[in-house]
């Protein structure tokens, strides 16, 4: 149980579920549509190859959580007292061994899938993710915005990677790319909210986060700007792809996506204490998860 908490099993489950939805609600239905038109089913990952790719992503992410906890033992005494399991149920040496094993197997699985589809260069994508997670925990996490941007990019990559390993899907990858953009934007918003929440502990660790350098009020303004930019991005996509559709109203779709973001803005506006920002962070995570589940709606209304 302690090990499962160490690797953040609910987050890993969400990563796996996200990749499952990408494959079975977007990529495979798109291939089925192509098959009905051309009478030829595009080459695609087998179930075993897809399982290995998902395992690669999950294992590398698990390793990332472990190495981050190893380097955050002192910070988490202030930010998350009692929650860091390093030297609190699992020794640092044991955790380091888990990190190397999980990450190594994850990288190897990525190269096996890449080699099996004759796209060996794609194997460097999981390797890049593993290196990035290590660099984040050891260097970028305490740097101004770079750590936030890196984690947001890796969140987007966890969505996009399923499409990257499907070369026949490249001609339609723009649809998946928009989901990756949304994942990047909402992850970046959440990372900055978490920085506000963890300001006291990060300050003792001499981090150079946005709220430490510029204060909470100015950081709130940045969050408002990012939320506004995300609303503009979603509006662009909805207008260009759903304005004239007769399946579901453009205005209903806009309300579904915009109302939670406006509510998040209000939550940030009234937030004053650590617990307020923690709740806003959880709300952002739920919104991110529901955004991924919108793939079910996309499949149901347009691809089934």
C-alpha atoms as a PDB file:
ATOM      1  CA  UNK A   1       0.000   0.000   0.000  1.00  0.00           C
ATOM      2  CA  UNK A   2       2.851   2.412   0.830  1.00  0.00           C
ATOM      3  CA  UNK A   3       4.460   1.641  -2.545  1.00  0.00           C
ATOM      4  CA  UNK A   4       1.186   2.379  -4.352  1.00  0.00           C
ATOM      5  CA  UNK A   5       0.965   5.717  -2.563  1.00  0.00           C
ATOM      6  CA  UNK A   6       4.579   6.431  -3.485  1.00  0.00           C
ATOM      7  CA  UNK A   7       3.899   6.006  -7.204  1.00  0.00           C
ATOM      8  CA  UNK A   8       0.547   7.902  -7.048  1.00  0.00           C
ATOM      9  CA  UNK A   9      -1.521   5.013  -8.408  1.00  0.00           C
ATOM     10  CA  UNK A  10      -4.685   7.102  -9.081  1.00  0.00           C
ATOM     11  CA  UNK A  11      -2.649   9.409 -11.332  1.00  0.00           C
ATOM     12  CA  UNK A  12      -1.123   6.437 -13.138  1.00  0.00           C
ATOM     13  CA  UNK A  13      -4.577   4.940 -13.612  1.00  0.00           C
ATOM     14  CA  UNK A  14      -5.732   8.224 -15.163  1.00  0.00           C
ATOM     15  CA  UNK A  15      -2.755   8.219 -17.551  1.00  0.00           C
ATOM     16  CA  UNK A  16      -3.597   4.689 -18.671  1.00  0.00           C
ATOM     17  CA  UNK A  17      -7.282   5.547 -19.028  1.00  0.00           C
ATOM     18  CA  UNK A  18      -6.413   8.663 -21.048  1.00  0.00           C
ATOM     19  CA  UNK A  19      -4.361   6.643 -23.505  1.00  0.00           C
ATOM     20  CA  UNK A  20      -7.118   4.018 -23.714  1.00  0.00           C
ATOM     21  CA  UNK A  21      -9.665   6.723 -24.591  1.00  0.00           C
ATOM     22  CA  UNK A  22      -7.333   8.276 -27.169  1.00  0.00           C
ATOM     23  CA  UNK A  23      -6.915   4.914 -28.888  1.00  0.00           C
ATOM     24  CA  UNK A  24     -10.473   3.620 -28.741  1.00  0.00           C
ATOM     25  CA  UNK A  25     -12.478   6.853 -28.976  1.00  0.00           C
ATOM     26  CA  UNK A  26     -10.374   8.703 -31.549  1.00  0.00           C
ATOM     27  CA  UNK A  27      -7.674   6.764 -33.380  1.00  0.00           C
ATOM     28  CA  UNK A  28      -9.398   3.411 -33.991  1.00  0.00           C
ATOM     29  CA  UNK A  29     -12.790   4.978 -34.870  1.00  0.00           C
ATOM     30  CA  UNK A  30     -10.975   7.262 -37.348  1.00  0.00           C
ATOM     31  CA  UNK A  31      -9.362   4.179 -38.897  1.00  0.00           C
ATOM     32  CA  UNK A  32     -12.770   2.483 -39.112  1.00  0.00           C
ATOM     33  CA  UNK A  33     -14.165   5.509 -40.971  1.00  0.00           C
ATOM     34  CA  UNK A  34     -11.187   5.343 -43.349  1.00  0.00           C
ATOM     35  CA  UNK A  35     -11.799   1.634 -43.849  1.00  0.00           C
ATOM     36  CA  UNK A  36     -15.430   2.248 -44.807  1.00  0.00           C
ATOM     37  CA  UNK A  37     -14.310   4.763 -47.427  1.00  0.00           C
ATOM     38  CA  UNK A  38     -11.199   3.063 -48.854  1.00  0.00           C
ATOM     39  CA  UNK A  39     -11.936  -0.568 -47.942  1.00  0.00           C
ATOM     40  CA  UNK A  40      -8.418  -0.817 -46.478  1.00  0.00           C
ATOM     41  CA  UNK A  41      -7.813  -0.792 -42.734  1.00  0.00           C
ATOM     42  CA  UNK A  42      -4.707   1.290 -41.914  1.00  0.00           C
ATOM     43  CA  UNK A  43      -1.718  -0.319 -40.221  1.00  0.00           C
ATOM     44  CA  UNK A  44      -1.919   0.217 -36.481  1.00  0.00           C
ATOM     45  CA  UNK A  45      -0.512  -0.925 -33.154  1.00  0.00           C
ATOM     46  CA  UNK A  46      -1.626  -4.345 -32.014  1.00  0.00           C
ATOM     47  CA  UNK A  47      -3.245  -4.650 -28.605  1.00  0.00           C
ATOM     48  CA  UNK A  48       0.033  -5.968 -27.187  1.00  0.00           C
ATOM     49  CA  UNK A  49       2.021  -3.078 -28.688  1.00  0.00           C
ATOM     50  CA  UNK A  50      -0.461  -0.573 -27.308  1.00  0.00           C
ATOM     51  CA  UNK A  51      -0.320  -2.247 -23.892  1.00  0.00           C
ATOM     52  CA  UNK A  52       3.491  -1.971 -23.922  1.00  0.00           C
ATOM     53  CA  UNK A  53       3.312   1.687 -24.932  1.00  0.00           C
ATOM     54  CA  UNK A  54       0.884   2.454 -22.114  1.00  0.00           C
ATOM     55  CA  UNK A  55       3.043   0.472 -19.681  1.00  0.00           C
ATOM     56  CA  UNK A  56       6.052   2.500 -20.829  1.00  0.00           C
ATOM     57  CA  UNK A  57       4.278   5.787 -20.096  1.00  0.00           C
ATOM     58  CA  UNK A  58       2.920   4.616 -16.738  1.00  0.00           C
ATOM     59  CA  UNK A  59       6.225   3.166 -15.536  1.00  0.00           C
ATOM     60  CA  UNK A  60       8.188   6.278 -16.500  1.00  0.00           C
ATOM     61  CA  UNK A  61       5.599   8.466 -14.760  1.00  0.00           C
ATOM     62  CA  UNK A  62       5.813   6.264 -11.653  1.00  0.00           C
ATOM     63  CA  UNK A  63       9.571   6.643 -11.660  1.00  0.00           C
ATOM     64  CA  UNK A  64       9.137  10.389 -12.004  1.00  0.00           C
ATOM     65  CA  UNK A  65       6.973  10.538  -8.881  1.00  0.00           C
ATOM     66  CA  UNK A  66       9.560   8.546  -6.934  1.00  0.00           C
ATOM     67  CA  UNK A  67      12.582  10.631  -7.926  1.00  0.00           C
ATOM     68  CA  UNK A  68      10.612  13.799  -7.241  1.00  0.00           C
ATOM     69  CA  UNK A  69       9.756  12.605  -3.721  1.00  0.00           C
ATOM     70  CA  UNK A  70      13.377  11.665  -3.093  1.00  0.00           C
ATOM     71  CA  UNK A  71      14.485  15.217  -3.826  1.00  0.00           C
ATOM     72  CA  UNK A  72      11.512  16.780  -2.012  1.00  0.00           C
ATOM     73  CA  UNK A  73      11.829  15.155   1.413  1.00  0.00           C
ATOM     74  CA  UNK A  74      12.755  18.426   3.152  1.00  0.00           C
ATOM     75  CA  UNK A  75      10.345  20.641   1.209  1.00  0.00           C
ATOM     76  CA  UNK A  76       7.417  18.292   1.786  1.00  0.00           C
ATOM     77  CA  UNK A  77       7.859  18.546   5.550  1.00  0.00           C
ATOM     78  CA  UNK A  78       6.290  22.002   5.153  1.00  0.00           C
ATOM     79  CA  UNK A  79       4.182  21.568   2.016  1.00  0.00           C
ATOM     80  CA  UNK A  80       2.804  18.057   2.600  1.00  0.00           C
ATOM     81  CA  UNK A  81       3.598  16.937   6.149  1.00  0.00           C
ATOM     82  CA  UNK A  82       3.429  13.165   6.495  1.00  0.00           C
ATOM     83  CA  UNK A  83       2.562  12.503   2.835  1.00  0.00           C
ATOM     84  CA  UNK A  84       6.049  11.959   1.440  1.00  0.00           C
ATOM     85  CA  UNK A  85       6.795   8.249   1.915  1.00  0.00           C
ATOM     86  CA  UNK A  86      10.569   8.519   1.554  1.00  0.00           C
ATOM     87  CA  UNK A  87      12.064   7.598   4.951  1.00  0.00           C
ATOM     88  CA  UNK A  88       8.476   7.394   6.123  1.00  0.00           C
ATOM     89  CA  UNK A  89       7.703   3.793   5.238  1.00  0.00           C
ATOM     90  CA  UNK A  90      10.181   3.346   2.378  1.00  0.00           C
ATOM     91  CA  UNK A  91      13.904   4.007   2.687  1.00  0.00           C
ATOM     92  CA  UNK A  92      15.580   6.372   0.259  1.00  0.00           C
ATOM     93  CA  UNK A  93      17.885   3.618  -1.025  1.00  0.00           C
ATOM     94  CA  UNK A  94      14.925   1.302  -1.717  1.00  0.00           C
ATOM     95  CA  UNK A  95      13.021   4.118  -3.430  1.00  0.00           C
ATOM     96  CA  UNK A  96      16.022   4.846  -5.634  1.00  0.00           C
ATOM     97  CA  UNK A  97      16.147   1.199  -6.691  1.00  0.00           C
ATOM     98  CA  UNK A  98      12.425   1.311  -7.534  1.00  0.00           C
ATOM     99  CA  UNK A  99      13.063   4.429  -9.598  1.00  0.00           C
ATOM    100  CA  UNK A 100      15.830   2.851 -11.669  1.00  0.00           C
ATOM    101  CA  UNK A 101      13.900  -0.385 -12.235  1.00  0.00           C
ATOM    102  CA  UNK A 102      10.602   1.258 -13.217  1.00  0.00           C
ATOM    103  CA  UNK A 103      12.215   3.892 -15.416  1.00  0.00           C
ATOM    104  CA  UNK A 104      14.536   1.419 -17.147  1.00  0.00           C
ATOM    105  CA  UNK A 105      11.692  -0.994 -17.932  1.00  0.00           C
ATOM    106  CA  UNK A 106       9.564   1.928 -19.170  1.00  0.00           C
ATOM    107  CA  UNK A 107      12.286   3.150 -21.532  1.00  0.00           C
ATOM    108  CA  UNK A 108      12.948  -0.397 -22.774  1.00  0.00           C
ATOM    109  CA  UNK A 109       9.236  -0.989 -23.436  1.00  0.00           C
ATOM    110  CA  UNK A 110       9.095   2.230 -25.474  1.00  0.00           C
ATOM    111  CA  UNK A 111      12.031   1.157 -27.646  1.00  0.00           C
ATOM    112  CA  UNK A 112      10.528  -2.332 -28.106  1.00  0.00           C
ATOM    113  CA  UNK A 113       7.301  -0.830 -29.476  1.00  0.00           C
ATOM    114  CA  UNK A 114       9.208   1.630 -31.679  1.00  0.00           C
ATOM    115  CA  UNK A 115      11.426  -1.145 -33.060  1.00  0.00           C
ATOM    116  CA  UNK A 116       8.440  -3.434 -33.687  1.00  0.00           C
ATOM    117  CA  UNK A 117       6.797  -0.837 -35.969  1.00  0.00           C
ATOM    118  CA  UNK A 118      10.089   0.043 -37.731  1.00  0.00           C
ATOM    119  CA  UNK A 119      10.127   3.535 -36.212  1.00  0.00           C
ATOM    120  CA  UNK A 120      13.099   3.179 -33.879  1.00  0.00           C
ATOM    121  CA  UNK A 121      13.460   6.957 -33.518  1.00  0.00           C
ATOM    122  CA  UNK A 122      10.094   7.076 -31.707  1.00  0.00           C
ATOM    123  CA  UNK A 123      11.742   5.152 -28.867  1.00  0.00           C
ATOM    124  CA  UNK A 124      13.526   8.351 -27.916  1.00  0.00           C
ATOM    125  CA  UNK A 125      10.181   9.946 -26.974  1.00  0.00           C
ATOM    126  CA  UNK A 126       9.773   7.889 -23.752  1.00  0.00           C
ATOM    127  CA  UNK A 127      13.507   8.352 -23.125  1.00  0.00           C
ATOM    128  CA  UNK A 128      13.049  12.120 -23.432  1.00  0.00           C
ATOM    129  CA  UNK A 129      10.155  11.961 -20.950  1.00  0.00           C
ATOM    130  CA  UNK A 130      12.248   9.991 -18.441  1.00  0.00           C
ATOM    131  CA  UNK A 131      15.202  12.376 -18.687  1.00  0.00           C
ATOM    132  CA  UNK A 132      12.878  15.377 -18.421  1.00  0.00           C
ATOM    133  CA  UNK A 133      11.294  14.054 -15.226  1.00  0.00           C
ATOM    134  CA  UNK A 134      14.711  13.521 -13.695  1.00  0.00           C
ATOM    135  CA  UNK A 135      15.893  17.001 -14.736  1.00  0.00           C
ATOM    136  CA  UNK A 136      12.680  18.489 -13.354  1.00  0.00           C
ATOM    137  CA  UNK A 137      13.141  16.968  -9.915  1.00  0.00           C
ATOM    138  CA  UNK A 138      16.854  17.794  -9.688  1.00  0.00           C
ATOM    139  CA  UNK A 139      17.045  21.189 -11.395  1.00  0.00           C
ATOM    140  CA  UNK A 140      14.068  22.753 -13.163  1.00  0.00           C
ATOM    141  CA  UNK A 141      11.582  22.465 -10.287  1.00  0.00           C
ATOM    142  CA  UNK A 142      13.235  25.329  -8.427  1.00  0.00           C
ATOM    143  CA  UNK A 143      13.664  27.505 -11.537  1.00  0.00           C
ATOM    144  CA  UNK A 144      11.345  30.281 -12.647  1.00  0.00           C
ATOM    145  CA  UNK A 145       8.479  28.823 -14.748  1.00  0.00           C
ATOM    146  CA  UNK A 146      10.714  26.297 -16.562  1.00  0.00           C
ATOM    147  CA  UNK A 147       9.626  23.451 -14.277  1.00  0.00           C
ATOM    148  CA  UNK A 148       5.955  24.389 -14.675  1.00  0.00           C
ATOM    149  CA  UNK A 149       6.256  24.469 -18.466  1.00  0.00           C
ATOM    150  CA  UNK A 150       8.157  21.174 -18.552  1.00  0.00           C
ATOM    151  CA  UNK A 151       5.528  19.312 -16.514  1.00  0.00           C
ATOM    152  CA  UNK A 152       2.733  20.823 -18.622  1.00  0.00           C
ATOM    153  CA  UNK A 153       4.546  19.689 -21.775  1.00  0.00           C
ATOM    154  CA  UNK A 154       4.921  16.159 -20.413  1.00  0.00           C
ATOM    155  CA  UNK A 155       1.202  16.100 -19.576  1.00  0.00           C
ATOM    156  CA  UNK A 156       0.480  17.012 -23.190  1.00  0.00           C
ATOM    157  CA  UNK A 157       2.936  14.367 -24.392  1.00  0.00           C
ATOM    158  CA  UNK A 158       1.153  11.644 -22.413  1.00  0.00           C
ATOM    159  CA  UNK A 159      -1.906  12.407 -24.555  1.00  0.00           C
ATOM    160  CA  UNK A 160      -0.078  12.881 -27.840  1.00  0.00           C
ATOM    161  CA  UNK A 161       2.271   9.903 -27.657  1.00  0.00           C
ATOM    162  CA  UNK A 162      -0.432   7.388 -28.609  1.00  0.00           C
ATOM    163  CA  UNK A 163      -0.911   9.242 -31.898  1.00  0.00           C
ATOM    164  CA  UNK A 164       2.836   9.604 -32.462  1.00  0.00           C
ATOM    165  CA  UNK A 165       3.176   5.815 -32.406  1.00  0.00           C
ATOM    166  CA  UNK A 166       0.437   5.512 -35.057  1.00  0.00           C
ATOM    167  CA  UNK A 167       2.041   6.854 -38.293  1.00  0.00           C
ATOM    168  CA  UNK A 168      -1.116   6.176 -40.301  1.00  0.00           C
ATOM    169  CA  UNK A 169      -2.973   8.590 -38.013  1.00  0.00           C
ATOM    170  CA  UNK A 170      -0.658  11.526 -38.739  1.00  0.00           C
ATOM    171  CA  UNK A 171      -2.997  12.948 -41.387  1.00  0.00           C
ATOM    172  CA  UNK A 172      -5.684  13.356 -38.700  1.00  0.00           C
ATOM    173  CA  UNK A 173      -3.425  14.084 -35.746  1.00  0.00           C
ATOM    174  CA  UNK A 174      -4.575  17.726 -35.564  1.00  0.00           C
ATOM    175  CA  UNK A 175      -7.619  16.564 -33.553  1.00  0.00           C
ATOM    176  CA  UNK A 176      -5.410  14.834 -30.996  1.00  0.00           C
ATOM    177  CA  UNK A 177      -3.014  17.770 -31.048  1.00  0.00           C
ATOM    178  CA  UNK A 178      -5.775  20.075 -29.822  1.00  0.00           C
ATOM    179  CA  UNK A 179      -6.395  17.758 -26.869  1.00  0.00           C
ATOM    180  CA  UNK A 180      -2.664  17.886 -26.141  1.00  0.00           C
ATOM    181  CA  UNK A 181      -2.768  21.704 -26.274  1.00  0.00           C
ATOM    182  CA  UNK A 182      -5.648  21.765 -23.780  1.00  0.00           C
ATOM    183  CA  UNK A 183      -3.753  19.321 -21.529  1.00  0.00           C
ATOM    184  CA  UNK A 184      -0.727  21.639 -21.651  1.00  0.00           C
ATOM    185  CA  UNK A 185      -2.759  24.735 -20.821  1.00  0.00           C
ATOM    186  CA  UNK A 186      -4.739  23.317 -17.915  1.00  0.00           C
ATOM    187  CA  UNK A 187      -1.644  21.555 -16.520  1.00  0.00           C
ATOM    188  CA  UNK A 188       0.302  24.830 -16.598  1.00  0.00           C
ATOM    189  CA  UNK A 189      -2.544  26.582 -14.772  1.00  0.00           C
ATOM    190  CA  UNK A 190      -2.603  23.851 -12.133  1.00  0.00           C
ATOM    191  CA  UNK A 191       1.162  23.884 -11.679  1.00  0.00           C
ATOM    192  CA  UNK A 192       1.121  27.627 -10.943  1.00  0.00           C
ATOM    193  CA  UNK A 193      -1.803  27.226  -8.529  1.00  0.00           C
ATOM    194  CA  UNK A 194       0.184  24.499  -6.741  1.00  0.00           C
ATOM    195  CA  UNK A 195       3.138  26.892  -6.547  1.00  0.00           C
ATOM    196  CA  UNK A 196       0.934  29.376  -4.696  1.00  0.00           C
ATOM    197  CA  UNK A 197      -0.265  26.605  -2.391  1.00  0.00           C
ATOM    198  CA  UNK A 198       3.319  25.477  -1.672  1.00  0.00           C
ATOM    199  CA  UNK A 199       4.828  28.962  -1.435  1.00  0.00           C
ATOM    200  CA  UNK A 200       5.982  28.715   2.191  1.00  0.00           C
ATOM    201  CA  UNK A 201       7.828  25.422   1.838  1.00  0.00           C
ATOM    202  CA  UNK A 202       9.287  26.362  -1.572  1.00  0.00           C
ATOM    203  CA  UNK A 203      10.556  29.634  -0.161  1.00  0.00           C
ATOM    204  CA  UNK A 204      12.545  27.797   2.521  1.00  0.00           C
ATOM    205  CA  UNK A 205      14.042  25.629  -0.220  1.00  0.00           C
ATOM    206  CA  UNK A 206      15.084  28.779  -2.107  1.00  0.00           C
ATOM    207  CA  UNK A 207      12.870  28.011  -5.097  1.00  0.00           C
ATOM    208  CA  UNK A 208      12.302  30.747  -7.647  1.00  0.00           C
ATOM    209  CA  UNK A 209       8.645  30.155  -8.389  1.00  0.00           C
ATOM    210  CA  UNK A 210       6.310  32.824  -9.705  1.00  0.00           C
ATOM    211  CA  UNK A 211       4.565  33.555  -6.354  1.00  0.00           C
ATOM    212  CA  UNK A 212       7.892  33.748  -4.507  1.00  0.00           C
ATOM    213  CA  UNK A 213       9.446  36.210  -6.952  1.00  0.00           C
ATOM    214  CA  UNK A 214       6.390  38.354  -7.705  1.00  0.00           C
ATOM    215  CA  UNK A 215       3.898  37.678  -4.943  1.00  0.00           C
ATOM    216  CA  UNK A 216       0.507  36.006  -4.857  1.00  0.00           C
ATOM    217  CA  UNK A 217      -1.512  38.936  -6.263  1.00  0.00           C
ATOM    218  CA  UNK A 218       0.558  39.178  -9.448  1.00  0.00           C
ATOM    219  CA  UNK A 219       0.595  35.395  -9.768  1.00  0.00           C
ATOM    220  CA  UNK A 220      -3.203  35.405  -9.628  1.00  0.00           C
ATOM    221  CA  UNK A 221      -3.197  37.842 -12.564  1.00  0.00           C
ATOM    222  CA  UNK A 222      -0.999  35.418 -14.519  1.00  0.00           C
ATOM    223  CA  UNK A 223      -3.454  32.597 -13.763  1.00  0.00           C
ATOM    224  CA  UNK A 224      -6.357  34.773 -14.977  1.00  0.00           C
ATOM    225  CA  UNK A 225      -4.419  35.432 -18.182  1.00  0.00           C
ATOM    226  CA  UNK A 226      -3.753  31.741 -18.751  1.00  0.00           C
ATOM    227  CA  UNK A 227      -7.411  30.887 -18.149  1.00  0.00           C
ATOM    228  CA  UNK A 228      -8.453  33.610 -20.608  1.00  0.00           C
ATOM    229  CA  UNK A 229      -5.977  32.281 -23.172  1.00  0.00           C
ATOM    230  CA  UNK A 230      -7.345  28.756 -22.704  1.00  0.00           C
ATOM    231  CA  UNK A 231     -10.897  30.026 -23.196  1.00  0.00           C
ATOM    232  CA  UNK A 232      -9.756  31.727 -26.417  1.00  0.00           C
ATOM    233  CA  UNK A 233      -8.124  28.489 -27.614  1.00  0.00           C
ATOM    234  CA  UNK A 234     -11.219  26.421 -26.898  1.00  0.00           C
ATOM    235  CA  UNK A 235     -13.413  29.055 -28.560  1.00  0.00           C
ATOM    236  CA  UNK A 236     -11.216  28.887 -31.668  1.00  0.00           C
ATOM    237  CA  UNK A 237     -11.578  25.100 -31.860  1.00  0.00           C
ATOM    238  CA  UNK A 238     -15.324  25.078 -31.178  1.00  0.00           C
ATOM    239  CA  UNK A 239     -15.992  27.829 -33.720  1.00  0.00           C
ATOM    240  CA  UNK A 240     -13.910  26.210 -36.472  1.00  0.00           C
ATOM    241  CA  UNK A 241     -15.080  22.631 -35.962  1.00  0.00           C
ATOM    242  CA  UNK A 242     -18.515  22.811 -34.342  1.00  0.00           C
ATOM    243  CA  UNK A 243     -20.173  26.122 -35.322  1.00  0.00           C
ATOM    244  CA  UNK A 244     -22.177  24.611 -38.202  1.00  0.00           C
ATOM    245  CA  UNK A 245     -22.640  21.081 -36.865  1.00  0.00           C
ATOM    246  CA  UNK A 246     -26.196  19.908 -36.351  1.00  0.00           C
ATOM    247  CA  UNK A 247     -25.407  17.220 -33.787  1.00  0.00           C
ATOM    248  CA  UNK A 248     -24.851  19.354 -30.694  1.00  0.00           C
ATOM    249  CA  UNK A 249     -25.233  23.089 -30.133  1.00  0.00           C
ATOM    250  CA  UNK A 250     -22.117  25.256 -30.269  1.00  0.00           C
ATOM    251  CA  UNK A 251     -23.498  27.219 -27.300  1.00  0.00           C
ATOM    252  CA  UNK A 252     -24.037  24.113 -25.192  1.00  0.00           C
ATOM    253  CA  UNK A 253     -20.485  22.992 -25.889  1.00  0.00           C
ATOM    254  CA  UNK A 254     -19.185  26.456 -25.001  1.00  0.00           C
ATOM    255  CA  UNK A 255     -21.050  26.399 -21.692  1.00  0.00           C
ATOM    256  CA  UNK A 256     -19.732  22.945 -20.828  1.00  0.00           C
ATOM    257  CA  UNK A 257     -16.122  24.079 -21.290  1.00  0.00           C
ATOM    258  CA  UNK A 258     -16.290  27.734 -20.213  1.00  0.00           C
ATOM    259  CA  UNK A 259     -18.413  27.705 -17.046  1.00  0.00           C
ATOM    260  CA  UNK A 260     -15.918  25.578 -15.031  1.00  0.00           C
ATOM    261  CA  UNK A 261     -13.063  27.855 -16.137  1.00  0.00           C
ATOM    262  CA  UNK A 262     -14.976  30.957 -15.073  1.00  0.00           C
ATOM    263  CA  UNK A 263     -15.748  29.249 -11.764  1.00  0.00           C
ATOM    264  CA  UNK A 264     -12.038  28.458 -11.363  1.00  0.00           C
ATOM    265  CA  UNK A 265     -11.220  32.132 -11.943  1.00  0.00           C
ATOM    266  CA  UNK A 266     -13.628  33.108  -9.174  1.00  0.00           C
ATOM    267  CA  UNK A 267     -12.134  30.487  -6.843  1.00  0.00           C
ATOM    268  CA  UNK A 268      -8.677  31.948  -7.428  1.00  0.00           C
ATOM    269  CA  UNK A 269     -10.009  35.471  -6.922  1.00  0.00           C
ATOM    270  CA  UNK A 270     -11.459  34.725  -3.473  1.00  0.00           C
ATOM    271  CA  UNK A 271      -8.646  32.346  -2.408  1.00  0.00           C
ATOM    272  CA  UNK A 272      -6.589  33.592   0.522  1.00  0.00           C
ATOM    273  CA  UNK A 273      -5.365  30.602   2.503  1.00  0.00           C
ATOM    274  CA  UNK A 274      -3.394  27.507   1.557  1.00  0.00           C
ATOM    275  CA  UNK A 275      -6.502  25.313   1.741  1.00  0.00           C
ATOM    276  CA  UNK A 276      -8.292  27.588  -0.766  1.00  0.00           C
ATOM    277  CA  UNK A 277      -5.565  27.119  -3.351  1.00  0.00           C
ATOM    278  CA  UNK A 278      -5.463  23.385  -2.602  1.00  0.00           C
ATOM    279  CA  UNK A 279      -9.168  23.135  -3.389  1.00  0.00           C
ATOM    280  CA  UNK A 280      -8.640  25.138  -6.599  1.00  0.00           C
ATOM    281  CA  UNK A 281      -5.840  22.730  -7.557  1.00  0.00           C
ATOM    282  CA  UNK A 282      -8.141  19.735  -7.035  1.00  0.00           C
ATOM    283  CA  UNK A 283     -10.887  21.442  -9.038  1.00  0.00           C
ATOM    284  CA  UNK A 284      -8.415  21.994 -11.895  1.00  0.00           C
ATOM    285  CA  UNK A 285      -7.421  18.325 -11.805  1.00  0.00           C
ATOM    286  CA  UNK A 286     -11.064  17.244 -11.990  1.00  0.00           C
ATOM    287  CA  UNK A 287     -11.655  19.603 -14.929  1.00  0.00           C
ATOM    288  CA  UNK A 288      -8.624  18.110 -16.679  1.00  0.00           C
ATOM    289  CA  UNK A 289      -9.975  14.595 -16.153  1.00  0.00           C
ATOM    290  CA  UNK A 290     -13.439  15.511 -17.433  1.00  0.00           C
ATOM    291  CA  UNK A 291     -11.812  17.118 -20.460  1.00  0.00           C
ATOM    292  CA  UNK A 292     -10.222  13.788 -21.333  1.00  0.00           C
ATOM    293  CA  UNK A 293     -13.581  12.045 -20.900  1.00  0.00           C
ATOM    294  CA  UNK A 294     -14.998  14.383 -23.532  1.00  0.00           C
ATOM    295  CA  UNK A 295     -13.346  11.986 -25.989  1.00  0.00           C
ATOM    296  CA  UNK A 296     -16.273   9.685 -25.234  1.00  0.00           C
ATOM    297  CA  UNK A 297     -18.666  12.387 -26.428  1.00  0.00           C
ATOM    298  CA  UNK A 298     -16.568  13.054 -29.531  1.00  0.00           C
ATOM    299  CA  UNK A 299     -16.682   9.356 -30.396  1.00  0.00           C
ATOM    300  CA  UNK A 300     -20.387   8.970 -29.632  1.00  0.00           C
ATOM    301  CA  UNK A 301     -21.588  11.930 -31.695  1.00  0.00           C
ATOM    302  CA  UNK A 302     -19.113  11.971 -34.583  1.00  0.00           C
ATOM    303  CA  UNK A 303     -17.179   8.714 -35.050  1.00  0.00           C
ATOM    304  CA  UNK A 304     -19.272   5.747 -33.997  1.00  0.00           C
END
